[in-house]
Amino acid sequence: VSKCYKPLRIDHSDFGLPISGVQPEGAVFAPNTGYISDPMLAVQNMKYAAESVRTNGNKNANFLFGRQVVEINQKNGKVCGVALADGDYISCNVVLNAAGPYSAQLNNLAFLDSNINDMKFETRPLRQEVAYCNGPEGIDMDKDGFISIDLDTGCYFRPEVGNKLLIGGLEAECDPEEWVDGDIDSNLNESLTETWTNLVYRAALRFPNLPIPTGKGTQGIVSLYDVTPDWAPIYDKSSLEGYYMAIGTSGNQFKMAGPVGDLMATIIDKCENGHDHDKDPVKYEMKMSRPGDYIDTGKFSRLRDLNNTSQSVMG
C-alpha cells in the first residue's frame, strides 16, 4: 500500500504504473463495521423471524414467492390492492415498494399517469460484476482478512468463505456504466466479461502474489444495483396515498435491512395516521445503536435535492 495508482483499464498503456513521487497519506480504519457474506442465509433468518411473530395465533407476515405483481389498484387516489399475474388479488391499504432493481417497474405500475408522480428523480438498474479468487499465498483470508476500499485501484476486496477473495468495483471513471433498462430478465447479460478481468488485475496491484484464475477457475457473480442519481436511497411516502418506497439502495444498504424495516414502519404508521411527512419529515430514533439520537428521514426523501456523494457503491 505504499504506492498510489490511478484507476485505469488494463489495456491502458499506464496501467500498473504507480504515480511518480506520490505516496498514500493515510487510511481510515473502522473496526466496528462489517459485511454479510451469506445474504441468502441472512434473508432466510429474517423471513423466519417475521413469520414467528403472531397475533391471535395468526402470522403477521406471509411470503408469496414467484408471484408477479401486474397491477397496483387505486380508488379515489389511494391504494386499494394489488393484482397478481396468476389472477389472484390482494386487498390492502398500503403497498411498500422494496423491489430492488425492479423498483422503477413497480413505480410505473403505481403511476400509470406519470404527471401524478412528483418524484424529483427515478431509480435505474445498473449491471455489476463481482470476482472470486483464491486468497494470496501465505494469507489466511478467513482468519486475517478484512474489507478494504481502495480508491486508487478502483475496487474493493474482502474475504469470502473458503479462504477466497471477493473483488468488486467502485464505479471508477474509466469503467463504463451498464444500465439495464426495459425487461431486466431478458436484457441482463449474466456472463462474466472483461470487467471481471479488470477487477482481478487491479486487486493484484495490492496483492502481487494473487493467483489469477483461468478457465474453469474463473468465478464470479453478475447482478444489479438499484441506483438513484446520488447513490443514496429513497425511504419515503409517495404522491399516491398508501404507496411507500424503500428503493435506490445501490448495493450498500443490505446490512441496514433490519433498521430500515423499522424506519419504514415508523414512516408508514405516522403517515397513515395523518402526519404530513413532506412538510415535517419523521424523526427516526436510533433505538439500538444510539438511543436518544434521531435521524432526519427527510435526507431520504423523493423530493430532496441530490446529495454530494462519492457517486459509487460507497454512497
Protein backbone atom coordinates (compact mmCIF):
# COMPACT_ATOMS: atom_id res chain seq x y z
CA VAL A 1 0.00 0.00 0.00
CA SER A 2 3.00 2.32 -0.32
CA LYS A 3 2.11 3.16 -3.94
CA CYS A 4 -0.60 5.37 -5.40
CA TYR A 5 -2.32 4.49 -8.66
CA LYS A 6 -4.92 5.99 -10.92
CA PRO A 7 -7.82 3.62 -11.75
CA LEU A 8 -7.25 2.51 -15.33
CA ARG A 9 -8.42 -0.25 -17.64
CA ILE A 10 -5.82 -2.95 -18.09
CA ASP A 11 -5.42 -2.13 -21.80
CA HIS A 12 -4.25 1.40 -20.93
CA SER A 13 -0.55 1.96 -21.50
CA ASP A 14 -0.08 3.31 -17.96
CA PHE A 15 -1.89 0.51 -16.16
CA GLY A 16 0.12 -0.80 -13.23
CA LEU A 17 2.45 2.19 -13.13
CA PRO A 18 2.39 3.99 -9.77
CA ILE A 19 2.02 7.76 -9.72
CA SER A 20 5.53 9.14 -9.54
CA GLY A 21 6.51 10.94 -6.35
CA VAL A 22 3.19 10.32 -4.58
CA GLN A 23 2.51 8.06 -1.62
CA PRO A 24 -0.72 7.40 0.29
CA GLU A 25 -1.12 9.90 3.12
CA GLY A 26 -3.11 7.53 5.30
CA ALA A 27 -6.24 5.44 5.59
CA VAL A 28 -9.45 5.23 7.59
CA PHE A 29 -9.84 2.15 9.80
CA ALA A 30 -13.36 1.35 11.04
CA PRO A 31 -13.13 -1.70 13.32
CA ASN A 32 -16.83 -1.76 14.23
CA THR A 33 -18.15 -2.12 10.71
CA GLY A 34 -18.58 -5.34 8.78
CA TYR A 35 -20.31 -7.15 5.95
CA ILE A 36 -22.64 -10.08 5.35
CA SER A 37 -21.01 -12.91 3.43
CA ASP A 38 -24.14 -15.08 3.05
CA PRO A 39 -27.08 -12.88 2.03
CA MET A 40 -29.31 -15.88 1.32
CA LEU A 41 -28.93 -17.16 4.89
CA ALA A 42 -29.49 -13.64 6.20
CA VAL A 43 -32.79 -13.17 4.38
CA GLN A 44 -33.92 -16.67 5.38
CA ASN A 45 -33.29 -15.75 9.00
CA MET A 46 -35.28 -12.54 8.59
CA LYS A 47 -38.10 -14.47 6.93
CA TYR A 48 -38.27 -16.98 9.79
CA ALA A 49 -38.14 -14.17 12.36
CA ALA A 50 -41.01 -12.33 10.66
CA GLU A 51 -43.13 -15.47 10.42
CA SER A 52 -42.58 -16.29 14.08
CA VAL A 53 -44.41 -13.14 15.20
CA ARG A 54 -48.10 -13.91 15.61
CA THR A 55 -51.22 -12.04 16.64
CA ASN A 56 -54.12 -14.13 17.93
CA GLY A 57 -52.40 -17.20 16.53
CA ASN A 58 -52.08 -15.75 13.02
CA LYS A 59 -48.79 -14.98 11.29
CA ASN A 60 -48.01 -11.29 10.97
CA ALA A 61 -46.02 -11.95 7.79
CA ASN A 62 -46.74 -14.20 4.82
CA PHE A 63 -44.45 -14.70 1.83
CA LEU A 64 -45.55 -15.39 -1.75
CA PHE A 65 -42.61 -16.38 -3.94
CA GLY A 66 -42.60 -16.41 -7.73
CA ARG A 67 -45.76 -14.31 -7.89
CA GLN A 68 -45.57 -11.29 -10.16
CA VAL A 69 -47.44 -8.06 -9.39
CA VAL A 70 -49.11 -6.79 -12.57
CA GLU A 71 -51.39 -4.05 -11.23
CA ILE A 72 -51.48 -1.68 -8.28
CA ASN A 73 -55.14 -0.85 -7.92
CA GLN A 74 -56.32 2.54 -6.73
CA LYS A 75 -59.57 4.17 -5.72
CA ASN A 76 -60.05 7.89 -5.13
CA GLY A 77 -56.29 8.49 -5.17
CA LYS A 78 -55.45 5.77 -2.66
CA VAL A 79 -54.05 2.25 -2.93
CA CYS A 80 -56.69 -0.43 -2.52
CA GLY A 81 -54.96 -3.62 -3.65
CA VAL A 82 -52.58 -5.44 -5.96
CA ALA A 83 -53.35 -7.89 -8.78
CA LEU A 84 -51.02 -10.82 -9.47
CA ALA A 85 -50.17 -12.44 -12.80
CA ASP A 86 -51.85 -15.71 -11.78
CA GLY A 87 -55.19 -13.95 -11.29
CA ASP A 88 -55.09 -13.60 -7.52
CA TYR A 89 -55.95 -10.28 -5.93
CA ILE A 90 -54.72 -8.96 -2.58
CA SER A 91 -56.82 -6.24 -0.99
CA CYS A 92 -54.71 -3.77 1.02
CA ASN A 93 -54.47 -0.13 2.05
CA VAL A 94 -50.66 0.02 2.00
CA VAL A 95 -48.09 -1.10 -0.58
CA LEU A 96 -44.34 -0.79 0.04
CA ASN A 97 -42.07 -0.88 -2.99
CA ALA A 98 -38.91 -2.71 -1.89
CA ALA A 99 -38.38 -4.37 -5.27
CA GLY A 100 -34.66 -3.68 -5.65
CA PRO A 101 -33.68 -3.34 -9.31
CA TYR A 102 -37.35 -3.82 -10.26
CA SER A 103 -38.34 -0.71 -8.28
CA ALA A 104 -38.77 1.54 -11.33
CA GLN A 105 -41.04 -1.05 -12.98
CA LEU A 106 -43.22 -1.19 -9.88
CA ASN A 107 -43.39 2.61 -9.75
CA ASN A 108 -44.59 2.58 -13.35
CA LEU A 109 -47.49 0.36 -12.27
CA ALA A 110 -48.35 2.75 -9.44
CA PHE A 111 -48.15 5.84 -11.64
CA LEU A 112 -49.75 4.97 -14.96
CA ASP A 113 -50.18 8.73 -15.35
CA SER A 114 -46.62 9.99 -14.89
CA ASN A 115 -47.91 13.51 -14.20
CA ILE A 116 -49.18 12.30 -10.82
CA ASN A 117 -45.72 11.12 -9.75
CA ASP A 118 -43.96 14.02 -8.01
CA MET A 119 -40.56 12.30 -7.53
CA LYS A 120 -37.62 14.57 -8.41
CA PHE A 121 -35.63 11.60 -9.72
CA GLU A 122 -36.02 7.92 -10.51
CA THR A 123 -34.07 4.73 -9.94
CA ARG A 124 -32.31 2.65 -12.61
CA PRO A 125 -30.83 -0.87 -12.54
CA LEU A 126 -27.04 -0.92 -13.00
CA ARG A 127 -25.25 -4.12 -14.01
CA GLN A 128 -22.43 -5.25 -11.70
CA GLU A 129 -19.81 -7.99 -11.74
CA VAL A 130 -18.04 -9.37 -8.69
CA ALA A 131 -14.95 -11.60 -8.98
CA TYR A 132 -13.85 -14.50 -6.76
CA CYS A 133 -10.23 -15.61 -6.41
CA ASN A 134 -8.27 -17.85 -4.12
CA GLY A 135 -6.54 -15.85 -1.39
CA PRO A 136 -2.91 -14.82 -1.83
CA GLU A 137 -0.37 -17.44 -0.78
CA GLY A 138 0.53 -17.22 2.89
CA ILE A 139 -2.57 -15.23 3.89
CA ASP A 140 -5.47 -16.84 5.75
CA MET A 141 -8.35 -14.75 4.42
CA ASP A 142 -10.87 -16.47 6.70
CA LYS A 143 -8.87 -15.51 9.78
CA ASP A 144 -6.93 -12.36 8.93
CA GLY A 145 -8.78 -10.78 6.01
CA PHE A 146 -10.94 -7.67 6.24
CA ILE A 147 -12.87 -5.49 3.85
CA SER A 148 -10.79 -2.82 2.09
CA ILE A 149 -11.94 0.03 -0.13
CA ASP A 150 -9.14 1.12 -2.46
CA LEU A 151 -9.96 4.24 -4.46
CA ASP A 152 -6.52 4.17 -6.10
CA THR A 153 -7.22 0.93 -7.91
CA GLY A 154 -10.97 1.50 -8.24
CA CYS A 155 -12.01 -1.67 -6.45
CA TYR A 156 -12.86 -3.11 -3.06
CA PHE A 157 -12.00 -6.55 -1.74
CA ARG A 158 -12.96 -8.65 1.24
CA PRO A 159 -12.69 -12.23 2.48
CA GLU A 160 -15.10 -14.83 1.17
CA VAL A 161 -15.87 -18.27 2.56
CA GLY A 162 -13.27 -20.88 1.64
CA ASN A 163 -10.19 -18.68 2.00
CA LYS A 164 -11.20 -16.72 -1.09
CA LEU A 165 -11.03 -13.06 -2.02
CA LEU A 166 -14.11 -11.26 -3.32
CA ILE A 167 -13.40 -8.24 -5.57
CA GLY A 168 -15.90 -5.60 -6.67
CA GLY A 169 -15.77 -2.25 -8.45
CA LEU A 170 -16.14 1.33 -7.23
CA GLU A 171 -17.58 2.92 -10.39
CA ALA A 172 -14.24 4.39 -11.45
CA GLU A 173 -14.43 6.99 -14.22
CA CYS A 174 -12.65 4.66 -16.64
CA ASP A 175 -15.27 1.94 -16.24
CA PRO A 176 -18.35 2.10 -18.50
CA GLU A 177 -21.73 2.07 -16.77
CA GLU A 178 -24.01 -0.72 -17.96
CA TRP A 179 -27.62 0.27 -17.38
CA VAL A 180 -30.21 -2.46 -17.89
CA ASP A 181 -33.48 -0.80 -18.86
CA GLY A 182 -36.64 -2.46 -20.11
CA ASP A 183 -37.17 -6.15 -19.37
CA ILE A 184 -34.46 -6.94 -16.82
CA ASP A 185 -34.98 -10.70 -17.01
CA SER A 186 -34.36 -10.69 -20.76
CA ASN A 187 -31.83 -7.87 -21.12
CA LEU A 188 -29.36 -8.69 -18.33
CA ASN A 189 -26.16 -10.30 -19.61
CA GLU A 190 -25.28 -12.79 -16.87
CA SER A 191 -21.92 -13.81 -18.36
CA LEU A 192 -18.62 -12.63 -16.92
CA THR A 193 -16.89 -10.11 -19.17
CA GLU A 194 -13.71 -8.03 -19.34
CA THR A 195 -14.99 -6.25 -16.23
CA TRP A 196 -14.09 -9.37 -14.24
CA THR A 197 -10.57 -9.34 -15.70
CA ASN A 198 -10.07 -5.67 -14.89
CA LEU A 199 -11.17 -6.17 -11.27
CA VAL A 200 -8.82 -9.10 -10.68
CA TYR A 201 -5.78 -7.38 -12.22
CA ARG A 202 -6.43 -4.22 -10.23
CA ALA A 203 -6.58 -6.20 -6.99
CA ALA A 204 -3.30 -7.84 -7.99
CA LEU A 205 -1.65 -4.42 -7.77
CA ARG A 206 -2.14 -4.72 -4.00
CA PHE A 207 -1.58 -8.49 -3.85
CA PRO A 208 1.38 -9.22 -6.15
CA ASN A 209 1.13 -12.94 -5.39
CA LEU A 210 -2.60 -13.11 -6.07
CA PRO A 211 -3.32 -16.26 -8.12
CA ILE A 212 -5.11 -15.18 -11.32
CA PRO A 213 -7.82 -17.74 -12.15
CA THR A 214 -8.16 -19.09 -15.67
CA GLY A 215 -10.50 -21.44 -17.46
CA LYS A 216 -12.89 -23.27 -15.14
CA GLY A 217 -11.31 -21.49 -12.19
CA THR A 218 -12.89 -18.22 -13.31
CA GLN A 219 -15.64 -17.46 -10.80
CA GLY A 220 -17.89 -14.50 -10.19
CA ILE A 221 -21.42 -13.17 -9.92
CA VAL A 222 -23.40 -10.85 -12.17
CA SER A 223 -26.28 -8.92 -10.67
CA LEU A 224 -27.83 -5.45 -10.45
CA TYR A 225 -27.70 -2.41 -8.19
CA ASP A 226 -30.82 -0.28 -7.74
CA VAL A 227 -29.40 3.21 -8.18
CA THR A 228 -30.54 6.79 -7.65
CA PRO A 229 -28.58 9.66 -9.28
CA ASP A 230 -26.77 10.40 -5.99
CA TRP A 231 -26.48 6.75 -4.91
CA ALA A 232 -28.45 7.47 -1.73
CA PRO A 233 -31.66 5.52 -1.03
CA ILE A 234 -35.24 6.71 -1.06
CA TYR A 235 -37.12 5.83 2.14
CA ASP A 236 -40.35 7.74 1.76
CA LYS A 237 -44.05 8.03 1.04
CA SER A 238 -45.24 8.94 -2.45
CA SER A 239 -47.85 11.19 -4.01
CA LEU A 240 -50.17 8.17 -4.17
CA GLU A 241 -51.75 7.73 -0.77
CA GLY A 242 -50.82 4.36 0.76
CA TYR A 243 -47.89 3.76 -1.61
CA TYR A 244 -44.44 3.87 0.00
CA MET A 245 -40.90 3.29 -1.25
CA ALA A 246 -37.69 1.77 0.12
CA ILE A 247 -35.69 1.87 -3.10
CA GLY A 248 -32.42 3.01 -4.65
CA THR A 249 -30.40 1.02 -2.15
CA SER A 250 -27.47 0.84 -4.59
CA GLY A 251 -25.69 -2.24 -3.26
CA ASN A 252 -24.67 -0.65 0.05
CA GLN A 253 -27.78 -0.99 2.24
CA PHE A 254 -28.18 -4.75 2.67
CA LYS A 255 -26.94 -4.93 6.24
CA MET A 256 -29.22 -1.98 7.03
CA ALA A 257 -32.33 -4.01 6.19
CA GLY A 258 -33.34 -4.51 9.84
CA PRO A 259 -33.35 -0.86 10.93
CA VAL A 260 -34.68 0.25 7.53
CA GLY A 261 -37.69 -2.02 8.02
CA ASP A 262 -38.33 -0.35 11.38
CA LEU A 263 -37.75 3.09 9.86
CA MET A 264 -40.29 2.41 7.11
CA ALA A 265 -42.79 1.02 9.62
CA THR A 266 -42.44 4.27 11.58
CA ILE A 267 -42.99 6.43 8.49
CA ILE A 268 -45.96 4.36 7.34
CA ASP A 269 -47.62 4.34 10.75
CA LYS A 270 -47.32 8.11 11.13
CA CYS A 271 -48.44 8.88 7.58
CA GLU A 272 -51.42 6.53 7.76
CA ASN A 273 -52.45 8.35 10.93
CA GLY A 274 -52.43 11.78 9.34
CA HIS A 275 -48.84 13.03 9.69
CA ASP A 276 -47.64 15.28 6.84
CA HIS A 277 -44.26 13.67 6.18
CA ASP A 278 -43.39 16.04 3.31
CA LYS A 279 -43.75 19.19 5.40
CA ASP A 280 -42.46 17.65 8.64
CA PRO A 281 -40.19 14.66 7.91
CA VAL A 282 -40.38 11.94 10.55
CA LYS A 283 -37.53 11.89 13.06
CA TYR A 284 -36.42 8.29 13.49
CA GLU A 285 -34.79 7.25 16.76
CA MET A 286 -31.73 5.00 16.51
CA LYS A 287 -33.07 2.70 19.21
CA MET A 288 -30.42 0.00 19.07
CA SER A 289 -27.16 1.83 18.38
CA ARG A 290 -27.69 5.31 19.86
CA PRO A 291 -30.91 5.64 21.88
CA GLY A 292 -31.97 9.24 22.20
CA ASP A 293 -30.40 10.26 18.87
CA TYR A 294 -32.58 10.79 15.82
CA ILE A 295 -32.20 10.70 12.04
CA ASP A 296 -33.96 13.27 9.89
CA THR A 297 -35.62 10.99 7.33
CA GLY A 298 -36.00 13.97 5.01
CA LYS A 299 -32.47 13.09 3.85
CA PHE A 300 -34.04 10.08 2.10
CA SER A 301 -36.95 11.99 0.54
CA ARG A 302 -38.05 11.54 -3.05
CA LEU A 303 -38.24 15.36 -3.16
CA ARG A 304 -34.72 16.06 -1.85
CA ASP A 305 -32.01 17.96 -3.60
CA LEU A 306 -29.40 15.44 -4.72
CA ASN A 307 -26.66 14.76 -2.18
CA ASN A 308 -22.97 15.35 -2.82
CA THR A 309 -21.72 11.76 -2.60
CA SER A 310 -18.95 9.55 -3.97
CA GLN A 311 -21.27 8.55 -6.86
CA SER A 312 -20.42 4.93 -6.12
CA VAL A 313 -21.47 1.92 -4.09
CA MET A 314 -19.89 3.61 -1.06
CA GLY A 315 -22.76 6.13 -1.10
